[in-house]
Amino acid sequence: MQWQLLFVSLIAVAGSRAAVAGSAEENLYRKAIGNIIRTSFEAAGTVEGTQGRKLALVLRHTLRDGRRTVIEVTAPAEFRGQRWLIVDEDGAADKIWHFDAKTKRTREVPEEQWNAPWLGTDFTLSDFLLPDPGAYTYELGGDENIGGETFTVIRLAPKDKEKDRFAVRVYSVDPRGGRLVRALFFDQQGRAVRRWIAERTEQRSGEWFPAQQRVVDLTTQKSSLLTLSEFRYEPKLAADAFDAKGLAAEPTPAPK
C-alpha cells in the first residue's frame, strides 16, 4: 500500500473509534525523540528550496533547559548574520528569538509567525520544534516497509486541538533503535498536508539525528531540503551562545 493511501486509511479507521493511548506507543515515540541528538554540536548546513534558492547556514544545538538550537545564515549576503534561537522545552512554553543583523536588534518571535515560510523556503520555524509527548494521545498504526526495513507507525492526536496546527501526526519509527524516519501531517479536514522525511541520519552513541531532512508541502508539491555536515561535537562556544543576548555576537565568516 502506498504511503499516502496507508495514512488516509488510518484516518478513516481512527474516525470510527476513540484513540486508545498505549504506553508502548508513547514509550517508542519518547525514545525516538530522545534519540535526536542530546550531545552539543555545531554543523555547517544548506537549505535548498524548490525555486532554486539556496541558503548557507551554521546550526548549533545543545540540551540545556530543553533543546536549544541556534540557526545563523551565512549566505547569501542579503540574509547574512540573521540568527534565530529556538528553545524547545517539554512541559513548558516554547520560545523563539530572532536577531536582525541589519537593525542589530533581538526580539521574541510571536507564535503566530512560527508557521510562516522561513526565508522563502518550505521550512517554518515550528519545524525545528518537537511535539511535547505529554500533549498527545497515542495509537498504534501497524507496520510500514521502507527500503526493506520494517518501521512501526504511530498516530498522535493532540489533547488540546485548539493549540495544534495539525489534527493528526503520524510517525514511522524504527522499533529497535528508535530512529525517526518520516512523518505525515493531517489538517482538521483529514487531508494530508505536509510530509517530513529524514533522507540521511547521523549516528553517535545510539543517537540518531536527521542530518538531511526534507519537508514537502502536499498542497503545492513544493519541497525544501536541509543538509548538515562537518559536525563538531562538544564545540567550545561562548557562555551565552544559547541565550537570546548571545545572538548579537560577531557573525560567522561566510563559506568560501
C-alpha atoms as a PDB file:
ATOM      1  CA  MET A   1       0.000   0.000   0.000  1.00  0.00           C
ATOM      2  CA  GLN A   2       1.415   3.381  -0.862  1.00  0.00           C
ATOM      3  CA  TRP A   3       2.360   5.831   1.899  1.00  0.00           C
ATOM      4  CA  GLN A   4      -0.434   8.323   1.406  1.00  0.00           C
ATOM      5  CA  LEU A   5      -3.119   5.646   0.937  1.00  0.00           C
ATOM      6  CA  LEU A   6      -1.927   3.955   4.115  1.00  0.00           C
ATOM      7  CA  PHE A   7      -2.476   7.039   6.228  1.00  0.00           C
ATOM      8  CA  VAL A   8      -5.758   8.016   4.609  1.00  0.00           C
ATOM      9  CA  SER A   9      -6.911   4.545   5.689  1.00  0.00           C
ATOM     10  CA  LEU A  10      -5.609   5.193   9.192  1.00  0.00           C
ATOM     11  CA  ILE A  11      -7.618   8.397   9.424  1.00  0.00           C
ATOM     12  CA  ALA A  12     -10.757   6.603   8.378  1.00  0.00           C
ATOM     13  CA  VAL A  13     -10.236   3.887  10.984  1.00  0.00           C
ATOM     14  CA  ALA A  14      -9.406   6.426  13.682  1.00  0.00           C
ATOM     15  CA  GLY A  15     -12.573   8.350  12.993  1.00  0.00           C
ATOM     16  CA  SER A  16     -14.690   5.292  13.729  1.00  0.00           C
ATOM     17  CA  ARG A  17     -13.431   4.748  17.238  1.00  0.00           C
ATOM     18  CA  ALA A  18     -11.767   6.670  20.051  1.00  0.00           C
ATOM     19  CA  ALA A  19      -8.000   6.720  20.032  1.00  0.00           C
ATOM     20  CA  VAL A  20      -6.573   4.324  22.582  1.00  0.00           C
ATOM     21  CA  ALA A  21      -3.499   5.599  24.354  1.00  0.00           C
ATOM     22  CA  GLY A  22      -0.956   2.830  24.737  1.00  0.00           C
ATOM     23  CA  SER A  23       2.180   3.038  26.853  1.00  0.00           C
ATOM     24  CA  ALA A  24       4.152   1.023  24.297  1.00  0.00           C
ATOM     25  CA  GLU A  25       3.403   3.549  21.525  1.00  0.00           C
ATOM     26  CA  GLU A  26       4.130   6.521  23.738  1.00  0.00           C
ATOM     27  CA  ASN A  27       7.362   4.994  25.011  1.00  0.00           C
ATOM     28  CA  LEU A  28       8.538   4.323  21.458  1.00  0.00           C
ATOM     29  CA  TYR A  29       7.780   7.894  20.453  1.00  0.00           C
ATOM     30  CA  ARG A  30       9.596   9.229  23.526  1.00  0.00           C
ATOM     31  CA  LYS A  31      12.566   7.010  22.662  1.00  0.00           C
ATOM     32  CA  ALA A  32      12.623   8.403  19.113  1.00  0.00           C
ATOM     33  CA  ILE A  33      12.544  11.976  20.388  1.00  0.00           C
ATOM     34  CA  GLY A  34      15.202  11.181  22.980  1.00  0.00           C
ATOM     35  CA  ASN A  35      17.423   9.761  20.255  1.00  0.00           C
ATOM     36  CA  ILE A  36      17.513  13.049  18.374  1.00  0.00           C
ATOM     37  CA  ILE A  37      20.930  14.177  19.395  1.00  0.00           C
ATOM     38  CA  ARG A  38      21.359  15.102  23.051  1.00  0.00           C
ATOM     39  CA  THR A  39      25.020  15.992  22.514  1.00  0.00           C
ATOM     40  CA  SER A  40      26.077  19.580  21.909  1.00  0.00           C
ATOM     41  CA  PHE A  41      27.261  20.104  18.336  1.00  0.00           C
ATOM     42  CA  GLU A  42      27.909  22.627  15.624  1.00  0.00           C
ATOM     43  CA  ALA A  43      27.437  21.890  11.929  1.00  0.00           C
ATOM     44  CA  ALA A  44      27.579  23.651   8.590  1.00  0.00           C
ATOM     45  CA  GLY A  45      24.431  23.447   6.526  1.00  0.00           C
ATOM     46  CA  THR A  46      22.492  24.376   3.441  1.00  0.00           C
ATOM     47  CA  VAL A  47      18.806  24.781   2.700  1.00  0.00           C
ATOM     48  CA  GLU A  48      17.702  24.271  -0.893  1.00  0.00           C
ATOM     49  CA  GLY A  49      14.241  25.319  -1.995  1.00  0.00           C
ATOM     50  CA  THR A  50      12.114  24.270  -4.946  1.00  0.00           C
ATOM     51  CA  GLN A  51      12.632  27.534  -6.773  1.00  0.00           C
ATOM     52  CA  GLY A  52      16.410  27.369  -6.723  1.00  0.00           C
ATOM     53  CA  ARG A  53      17.071  29.491  -3.637  1.00  0.00           C
ATOM     54  CA  LYS A  54      19.964  28.155  -1.579  1.00  0.00           C
ATOM     55  CA  LEU A  55      20.936  29.340   1.886  1.00  0.00           C
ATOM     56  CA  ALA A  56      24.156  28.556   3.719  1.00  0.00           C
ATOM     57  CA  LEU A  57      23.983  28.371   7.483  1.00  0.00           C
ATOM     58  CA  VAL A  58      25.543  27.250  10.727  1.00  0.00           C
ATOM     59  CA  LEU A  59      23.410  25.256  13.157  1.00  0.00           C
ATOM     60  CA  ARG A  60      24.342  24.857  16.812  1.00  0.00           C
ATOM     61  CA  HIS A  61      22.492  22.592  19.238  1.00  0.00           C
ATOM     62  CA  THR A  62      22.627  21.761  22.924  1.00  0.00           C
ATOM     63  CA  LEU A  63      20.458  20.167  25.590  1.00  0.00           C
ATOM     64  CA  ARG A  64      20.138  22.825  28.282  1.00  0.00           C
ATOM     65  CA  ASP A  65      16.827  23.910  29.769  1.00  0.00           C
ATOM     66  CA  GLY A  66      15.219  21.947  26.955  1.00  0.00           C
ATOM     67  CA  ARG A  67      16.576  21.541  23.440  1.00  0.00           C
ATOM     68  CA  ARG A  68      18.217  24.773  22.323  1.00  0.00           C
ATOM     69  CA  THR A  69      19.072  25.407  18.686  1.00  0.00           C
ATOM     70  CA  VAL A  70      20.697  28.441  17.103  1.00  0.00           C
ATOM     71  CA  ILE A  71      20.430  28.909  13.345  1.00  0.00           C
ATOM     72  CA  GLU A  72      22.655  31.505  11.689  1.00  0.00           C
ATOM     73  CA  VAL A  73      22.504  32.303   7.980  1.00  0.00           C
ATOM     74  CA  THR A  74      25.939  32.898   6.444  1.00  0.00           C
ATOM     75  CA  ALA A  75      24.922  33.371   2.777  1.00  0.00           C
ATOM     76  CA  PRO A  76      23.590  34.900   0.592  1.00  0.00           C
ATOM     77  CA  ALA A  77      24.640  38.416   1.595  1.00  0.00           C
ATOM     78  CA  GLU A  78      21.066  39.711   1.950  1.00  0.00           C
ATOM     79  CA  PHE A  79      20.442  37.325   4.870  1.00  0.00           C
ATOM     80  CA  ARG A  80      23.960  37.031   6.286  1.00  0.00           C
ATOM     81  CA  GLY A  81      24.111  37.332  10.067  1.00  0.00           C
ATOM     82  CA  GLN A  82      20.416  36.656  10.669  1.00  0.00           C
ATOM     83  CA  ARG A  83      20.080  34.404  13.723  1.00  0.00           C
ATOM     84  CA  TRP A  84      17.288  32.519  15.453  1.00  0.00           C
ATOM     85  CA  LEU A  85      17.324  30.909  18.892  1.00  0.00           C
ATOM     86  CA  ILE A  86      14.762  28.128  19.277  1.00  0.00           C
ATOM     87  CA  VAL A  87      14.050  26.894  22.815  1.00  0.00           C
ATOM     88  CA  ASP A  88      12.098  23.647  22.748  1.00  0.00           C
ATOM     89  CA  GLU A  89      11.117  22.557  26.256  1.00  0.00           C
ATOM     90  CA  ASP A  90       8.672  19.743  27.032  1.00  0.00           C
ATOM     91  CA  GLY A  91       6.059  20.704  29.594  1.00  0.00           C
ATOM     92  CA  ALA A  92       6.785  24.420  29.240  1.00  0.00           C
ATOM     93  CA  ALA A  93       6.170  27.144  26.685  1.00  0.00           C
ATOM     94  CA  ASP A  94       8.480  27.053  23.668  1.00  0.00           C
ATOM     95  CA  LYS A  95      10.251  30.298  22.748  1.00  0.00           C
ATOM     96  CA  ILE A  96      11.862  31.641  19.579  1.00  0.00           C
ATOM     97  CA  TRP A  97      14.023  34.779  19.302  1.00  0.00           C
ATOM     98  CA  HIS A  98      15.355  36.490  16.180  1.00  0.00           C
ATOM     99  CA  PHE A  99      18.390  38.735  15.790  1.00  0.00           C
ATOM    100  CA  ASP A 100      18.149  41.079  12.817  1.00  0.00           C
ATOM    101  CA  ALA A 101      21.671  41.742  11.543  1.00  0.00           C
ATOM    102  CA  LYS A 102      20.531  44.917   9.767  1.00  0.00           C
ATOM    103  CA  THR A 103      18.908  46.654  12.723  1.00  0.00           C
ATOM    104  CA  LYS A 104      21.119  44.941  15.349  1.00  0.00           C
ATOM    105  CA  ARG A 105      18.016  44.153  17.409  1.00  0.00           C
ATOM    106  CA  THR A 106      16.846  40.959  19.085  1.00  0.00           C
ATOM    107  CA  ARG A 107      13.148  40.283  19.580  1.00  0.00           C
ATOM    108  CA  GLU A 108      10.954  37.368  20.564  1.00  0.00           C
ATOM    109  CA  VAL A 109       9.117  35.984  17.549  1.00  0.00           C
ATOM    110  CA  PRO A 110       5.302  35.966  18.069  1.00  0.00           C
ATOM    111  CA  GLU A 111       3.870  32.456  17.967  1.00  0.00           C
ATOM    112  CA  GLU A 112       1.550  33.333  15.092  1.00  0.00           C
ATOM    113  CA  GLN A 113       4.645  33.804  12.895  1.00  0.00           C
ATOM    114  CA  TRP A 114       6.185  30.420  13.627  1.00  0.00           C
ATOM    115  CA  ASN A 115       4.316  28.676  10.803  1.00  0.00           C
ATOM    116  CA  ALA A 116       5.156  31.176   8.067  1.00  0.00           C
ATOM    117  CA  PRO A 117       7.616  30.113   5.324  1.00  0.00           C
ATOM    118  CA  TRP A 118      11.141  30.623   6.606  1.00  0.00           C
ATOM    119  CA  LEU A 119      13.213  32.890   4.320  1.00  0.00           C
ATOM    120  CA  GLY A 120      11.231  31.849   1.281  1.00  0.00           C
ATOM    121  CA  THR A 121      11.712  28.099   1.818  1.00  0.00           C
ATOM    122  CA  ASP A 122       9.147  25.423   2.658  1.00  0.00           C
ATOM    123  CA  PHE A 123      10.533  25.141   6.188  1.00  0.00           C
ATOM    124  CA  THR A 124       8.920  27.025   9.056  1.00  0.00           C
ATOM    125  CA  LEU A 125      10.422  27.882  12.429  1.00  0.00           C
ATOM    126  CA  SER A 126       7.977  25.468  14.057  1.00  0.00           C
ATOM    127  CA  ASP A 127       9.572  22.629  12.055  1.00  0.00           C
ATOM    128  CA  PHE A 128      12.515  22.889  14.458  1.00  0.00           C
ATOM    129  CA  LEU A 129      10.258  22.229  17.477  1.00  0.00           C
ATOM    130  CA  LEU A 130       9.471  18.685  18.599  1.00  0.00           C
ATOM    131  CA  PRO A 131       5.957  17.904  19.860  1.00  0.00           C
ATOM    132  CA  ASP A 132       5.661  17.662  23.647  1.00  0.00           C
ATOM    133  CA  PRO A 133       4.984  13.948  24.335  1.00  0.00           C
ATOM    134  CA  GLY A 134       2.598  14.761  27.169  1.00  0.00           C
ATOM    135  CA  ALA A 135       0.345  16.810  24.898  1.00  0.00           C
ATOM    136  CA  TYR A 136      -0.863  13.868  22.765  1.00  0.00           C
ATOM    137  CA  THR A 137      -2.748  10.623  22.815  1.00  0.00           C
ATOM    138  CA  TYR A 138      -1.189   7.672  21.007  1.00  0.00           C
ATOM    139  CA  GLU A 139      -2.404   4.895  18.758  1.00  0.00           C
ATOM    140  CA  LEU A 140      -0.538   2.099  17.003  1.00  0.00           C
ATOM    141  CA  GLY A 141      -0.941   2.268  13.215  1.00  0.00           C
ATOM    142  CA  GLY A 142       0.673  -1.027  12.241  1.00  0.00           C
ATOM    143  CA  ASP A 143       3.931  -1.540  10.361  1.00  0.00           C
ATOM    144  CA  GLU A 144       5.398   0.005   7.233  1.00  0.00           C
ATOM    145  CA  ASN A 145       8.171  -1.221   4.933  1.00  0.00           C
ATOM    146  CA  ILE A 146      10.673   1.464   3.934  1.00  0.00           C
ATOM    147  CA  GLY A 147      13.691   0.430   1.886  1.00  0.00           C
ATOM    148  CA  GLY A 148      13.448  -3.170   3.029  1.00  0.00           C
ATOM    149  CA  GLU A 149      13.206  -2.262   6.735  1.00  0.00           C
ATOM    150  CA  THR A 150      10.118  -2.564   8.908  1.00  0.00           C
ATOM    151  CA  PHE A 151       9.071   0.512  10.868  1.00  0.00           C
ATOM    152  CA  THR A 152       6.349   0.956  13.456  1.00  0.00           C
ATOM    153  CA  VAL A 153       3.675   3.531  12.618  1.00  0.00           C
ATOM    154  CA  ILE A 154       2.443   5.701  15.499  1.00  0.00           C
ATOM    155  CA  ARG A 155      -0.504   8.085  15.314  1.00  0.00           C
ATOM    156  CA  LEU A 156      -0.537  11.149  17.602  1.00  0.00           C
ATOM    157  CA  ALA A 157      -3.639  13.252  18.243  1.00  0.00           C
ATOM    158  CA  PRO A 158      -3.409  16.475  20.288  1.00  0.00           C
ATOM    159  CA  LYS A 159      -5.274  16.561  23.577  1.00  0.00           C
ATOM    160  CA  ASP A 160      -5.961  20.256  23.021  1.00  0.00           C
ATOM    161  CA  LYS A 161      -6.927  20.593  19.363  1.00  0.00           C
ATOM    162  CA  GLU A 162      -7.094  24.381  19.570  1.00  0.00           C
ATOM    163  CA  LYS A 163      -3.375  24.638  20.278  1.00  0.00           C
ATOM    164  CA  ASP A 164      -2.100  22.392  17.496  1.00  0.00           C
ATOM    165  CA  ARG A 165      -1.919  23.272  13.819  1.00  0.00           C
ATOM    166  CA  PHE A 166      -2.346  19.585  12.876  1.00  0.00           C
ATOM    167  CA  ALA A 167      -5.255  17.313  13.754  1.00  0.00           C
ATOM    168  CA  VAL A 168      -3.127  14.188  13.399  1.00  0.00           C
ATOM    169  CA  ARG A 169       0.609  13.498  13.250  1.00  0.00           C
ATOM    170  CA  VAL A 170       1.748  10.093  12.014  1.00  0.00           C
ATOM    171  CA  TYR A 171       5.339   8.943  12.558  1.00  0.00           C
ATOM    172  CA  SER A 172       7.338   5.973  11.285  1.00  0.00           C
ATOM    173  CA  VAL A 173       9.873   4.797  13.877  1.00  0.00           C
ATOM    174  CA  ASP A 174      12.432   2.000  13.927  1.00  0.00           C
ATOM    175  CA  PRO A 175      11.133  -0.191  16.800  1.00  0.00           C
ATOM    176  CA  ARG A 176      14.654  -1.437  17.567  1.00  0.00           C
ATOM    177  CA  GLY A 177      16.754   1.706  17.716  1.00  0.00           C
ATOM    178  CA  GLY A 178      14.052   4.366  17.953  1.00  0.00           C
ATOM    179  CA  ARG A 179      15.148   6.021  14.700  1.00  0.00           C
ATOM    180  CA  LEU A 180      12.580   8.523  13.408  1.00  0.00           C
ATOM    181  CA  VAL A 181      12.497   8.349   9.600  1.00  0.00           C
ATOM    182  CA  ARG A 182       9.414  10.190   8.370  1.00  0.00           C
ATOM    183  CA  ALA A 183       6.113  11.758   9.261  1.00  0.00           C
ATOM    184  CA  LEU A 184       2.838  12.765   7.677  1.00  0.00           C
ATOM    185  CA  PHE A 185       0.616  15.567   8.975  1.00  0.00           C
ATOM    186  CA  PHE A 186      -3.146  15.977   8.548  1.00  0.00           C
ATOM    187  CA  ASP A 187      -5.347  19.046   8.866  1.00  0.00           C
ATOM    188  CA  GLN A 188      -8.722  19.281  10.607  1.00  0.00           C
ATOM    189  CA  GLN A 189     -10.485  18.003   7.481  1.00  0.00           C
ATOM    190  CA  GLY A 190      -8.405  14.806   7.417  1.00  0.00           C
ATOM    191  CA  ARG A 191      -6.286  15.902   4.453  1.00  0.00           C
ATOM    192  CA  ALA A 192      -2.597  15.037   4.292  1.00  0.00           C
ATOM    193  CA  VAL A 193      -0.994  18.480   4.004  1.00  0.00           C
ATOM    194  CA  ARG A 194       2.648  18.088   4.961  1.00  0.00           C
ATOM    195  CA  ARG A 195       5.337  15.434   4.828  1.00  0.00           C
ATOM    196  CA  TRP A 196       8.695  15.220   6.603  1.00  0.00           C
ATOM    197  CA  ILE A 197      11.415  12.781   5.536  1.00  0.00           C
ATOM    198  CA  ALA A 198      14.801  12.012   7.093  1.00  0.00           C
ATOM    199  CA  GLU A 199      16.873  11.293   3.995  1.00  0.00           C
ATOM    200  CA  ARG A 200      20.127  10.797   5.901  1.00  0.00           C
ATOM    201  CA  THR A 201      20.837  10.305   9.596  1.00  0.00           C
ATOM    202  CA  GLU A 202      23.972  10.987  11.639  1.00  0.00           C
ATOM    203  CA  GLN A 203      24.534   8.419  14.376  1.00  0.00           C
ATOM    204  CA  ARG A 204      26.528   8.995  17.540  1.00  0.00           C
ATOM    205  CA  SER A 205      26.441   6.729  20.611  1.00  0.00           C
ATOM    206  CA  GLY A 206      22.949   5.437  19.850  1.00  0.00           C
ATOM    207  CA  GLU A 207      21.575   8.878  18.957  1.00  0.00           C
ATOM    208  CA  TRP A 208      20.073   9.456  15.532  1.00  0.00           C
ATOM    209  CA  PHE A 209      19.984  12.981  14.143  1.00  0.00           C
ATOM    210  CA  PRO A 210      18.314  13.768  10.771  1.00  0.00           C
ATOM    211  CA  ALA A 211      21.387  15.290   9.094  1.00  0.00           C
ATOM    212  CA  GLN A 212      19.490  15.571   5.813  1.00  0.00           C
ATOM    213  CA  GLN A 213      15.773  16.234   6.044  1.00  0.00           C
ATOM    214  CA  ARG A 214      13.145  17.259   3.549  1.00  0.00           C
ATOM    215  CA  VAL A 215       9.781  18.907   4.077  1.00  0.00           C
ATOM    216  CA  VAL A 216       7.085  18.718   1.417  1.00  0.00           C
ATOM    217  CA  ASP A 217       4.008  20.941   1.197  1.00  0.00           C
ATOM    218  CA  LEU A 218       1.476  18.469  -0.201  1.00  0.00           C
ATOM    219  CA  THR A 219      -0.921  21.220  -1.250  1.00  0.00           C
ATOM    220  CA  THR A 220       1.638  22.724  -3.646  1.00  0.00           C
ATOM    221  CA  GLN A 221       4.037  19.757  -4.029  1.00  0.00           C
ATOM    222  CA  LYS A 222       6.930  22.112  -3.278  1.00  0.00           C
ATOM    223  CA  SER A 223       9.729  20.952  -1.035  1.00  0.00           C
ATOM    224  CA  SER A 224      12.928  22.130   0.640  1.00  0.00           C
ATOM    225  CA  LEU A 225      15.974  20.160   1.740  1.00  0.00           C
ATOM    226  CA  LEU A 226      18.080  20.884   4.840  1.00  0.00           C
ATOM    227  CA  THR A 227      21.531  19.261   4.803  1.00  0.00           C
ATOM    228  CA  LEU A 228      24.017  19.364   7.688  1.00  0.00           C
ATOM    229  CA  SER A 229      27.665  18.328   7.502  1.00  0.00           C
ATOM    230  CA  GLU A 230      31.040  18.947   9.153  1.00  0.00           C
ATOM    231  CA  PHE A 231      29.700  18.071  12.593  1.00  0.00           C
ATOM    232  CA  ARG A 232      31.805  19.211  15.551  1.00  0.00           C
ATOM    233  CA  TYR A 233      30.693  17.648  18.804  1.00  0.00           C
ATOM    234  CA  GLU A 234      31.017  19.462  22.134  1.00  0.00           C
ATOM    235  CA  PRO A 235      32.411  22.620  20.464  1.00  0.00           C
ATOM    236  CA  LYS A 236      33.893  25.389  22.590  1.00  0.00           C
ATOM    237  CA  LEU A 237      31.373  28.218  22.340  1.00  0.00           C
ATOM    238  CA  ALA A 238      30.740  31.437  24.223  1.00  0.00           C
ATOM    239  CA  ALA A 239      28.906  31.066  27.534  1.00  0.00           C
ATOM    240  CA  ASP A 240      25.866  32.918  26.158  1.00  0.00           C
ATOM    241  CA  ALA A 241      25.824  31.133  22.786  1.00  0.00           C
ATOM    242  CA  PHE A 242      22.399  29.638  23.521  1.00  0.00           C
ATOM    243  CA  ASP A 243      20.841  32.682  25.172  1.00  0.00           C
ATOM    244  CA  ALA A 244      18.948  35.480  23.460  1.00  0.00           C
ATOM    245  CA  LYS A 245      21.606  38.049  24.368  1.00  0.00           C
ATOM    246  CA  GLY A 246      24.249  35.954  22.638  1.00  0.00           C
ATOM    247  CA  LEU A 247      22.548  36.263  19.263  1.00  0.00           C
ATOM    248  CA  ALA A 248      24.223  39.636  18.694  1.00  0.00           C
ATOM    249  CA  ALA A 249      27.734  38.134  18.622  1.00  0.00           C
ATOM    250  CA  GLU A 250      30.025  38.735  15.663  1.00  0.00           C
ATOM    251  CA  PRO A 251      28.792  36.897  12.558  1.00  0.00           C
ATOM    252  CA  THR A 252      30.337  33.617  11.489  1.00  0.00           C
ATOM    253  CA  PRO A 253      32.507  34.012   8.376  1.00  0.00           C
ATOM    254  CA  ALA A 254      30.701  33.318   5.117  1.00  0.00           C
ATOM    255  CA  PRO A 255      31.533  29.997   3.409  1.00  0.00           C
ATOM    256  CA  LYS A 256      34.264  30.141   0.769  1.00  0.00           C
END
